[in-house]
Every structure is written in C-alpha cells, then in structure tokens.
C-alpha cells in the first residue's frame, strides 16, 4: 500500500464550468471529494465507486451464504 504523506501543498488550476461540473458529478458518483478524485487520477490509483465496492462485497457475502446453505442440505 502506498505510504501516506501529509497534504500540505495547494495547487490551483483553471477549468471550464462544464469540466468542473462533470468532475463534481463523477466525484459524487464515486463517493469521494473532487480533490480525492483528482489526486487518485494523477497518481494512477484506482478510481472505483464506493457503491460498486459495497455491491461486490454484498455479492461475495451472498455467494458464501449460498455455499454454506447448500452444505447444510447435504
């Protein structure tokens, strides 16, 4: 896992209103701030929706429950 560094520097960039709004929507869909989304993109880290991760975990749990249930029927 990447080592965490304190975030002490500020970088300001100019963007069009359309680009900012698109970034805001995408960050909201991923469940993170715009700053976190930008940091992850420029450092090459995974940008995945937290909802997708929660759904995957739920599917995994259901799969394990089904396996346990099938074993109990034997």
Protein backbone atom coordinates (compact mmCIF):
# COMPACT_ATOMS: atom_id res chain seq x y z
CA UNK A 1 0.00 0.00 0.00
CA UNK A 2 1.21 3.50 -0.75
CA UNK A 3 2.71 5.43 2.11
CA UNK A 4 0.56 8.33 3.24
CA UNK A 5 2.05 11.78 3.12
CA UNK A 6 0.51 14.86 4.68
CA UNK A 7 -1.16 17.13 2.19
CA UNK A 8 0.46 20.49 2.80
CA UNK A 9 0.61 21.97 -0.70
CA UNK A 10 -2.15 23.67 -2.66
CA UNK A 11 -2.35 23.54 -6.47
CA UNK A 12 -4.89 25.75 -8.20
CA UNK A 13 -5.94 25.06 -11.80
CA UNK A 14 -8.31 26.77 -14.18
CA UNK A 15 -11.10 24.68 -15.66
CA UNK A 16 -14.23 25.42 -17.62
CA UNK A 17 -17.53 25.38 -15.75
CA UNK A 18 -18.58 22.34 -17.80
CA UNK A 19 -15.43 20.41 -16.81
CA UNK A 20 -15.81 21.33 -13.14
CA UNK A 21 -19.43 20.18 -13.12
CA UNK A 22 -18.52 16.88 -14.82
CA UNK A 23 -15.76 16.35 -12.25
CA UNK A 24 -18.16 17.16 -9.40
CA UNK A 25 -20.73 14.65 -10.72
CA UNK A 26 -18.11 11.90 -11.16
CA UNK A 27 -16.69 12.51 -7.68
CA UNK A 28 -20.20 12.31 -6.23
CA UNK A 29 -20.87 9.04 -8.04
CA UNK A 30 -17.62 7.63 -6.65
CA UNK A 31 -18.45 8.83 -3.14
CA UNK A 32 -15.36 11.00 -2.81
CA UNK A 33 -14.38 14.65 -2.93
CA UNK A 34 -13.21 16.30 -6.13
CA UNK A 35 -9.76 16.69 -4.58
CA UNK A 36 -9.51 12.97 -3.81
CA UNK A 37 -10.67 12.06 -7.32
CA UNK A 38 -8.06 14.35 -8.89
CA UNK A 39 -5.29 13.04 -6.58
CA UNK A 40 -6.13 9.44 -7.46
CA UNK A 41 -6.21 10.15 -11.18
CA UNK A 42 -2.86 11.91 -11.31
CA UNK A 43 -1.13 9.32 -9.13
CA UNK A 44 -2.52 6.41 -11.14
CA UNK A 45 -4.51 4.96 -8.24
CA UNK A 46 -7.74 3.06 -8.70
CA UNK A 47 -10.82 5.24 -9.05
CA UNK A 48 -13.75 2.97 -8.21
CA UNK A 49 -17.17 3.83 -6.94
CA UNK A 50 -17.60 3.04 -3.27
CA UNK A 51 -21.07 1.80 -4.16
CA UNK A 52 -19.54 -0.70 -6.59
CA UNK A 53 -17.15 -1.91 -3.89
CA UNK A 54 -20.04 -2.32 -1.43
CA UNK A 55 -22.10 -4.18 -4.04
CA UNK A 56 -19.18 -6.51 -4.80
CA UNK A 57 -18.77 -7.23 -1.10
CA UNK A 58 -22.51 -7.97 -0.77
CA UNK A 59 -22.41 -10.34 -3.74
CA UNK A 60 -19.39 -12.08 -2.23
CA UNK A 61 -21.22 -12.47 1.10
CA UNK A 62 -24.30 -13.87 -0.65
CA UNK A 63 -22.15 -16.35 -2.54
CA UNK A 64 -20.59 -17.57 0.69
CA UNK A 65 -24.02 -17.81 2.33
CA UNK A 66 -25.32 -19.88 -0.57
CA UNK A 67 -22.35 -22.24 -0.31
CA UNK A 68 -22.96 -22.69 3.43
CA UNK A 69 -26.67 -23.24 2.85
CA UNK A 70 -26.02 -25.92 0.20
CA UNK A 71 -23.64 -27.73 2.54
CA UNK A 72 -26.26 -27.76 5.29
CA UNK A 73 -28.74 -29.50 2.96
CA UNK A 74 -26.44 -32.49 2.45
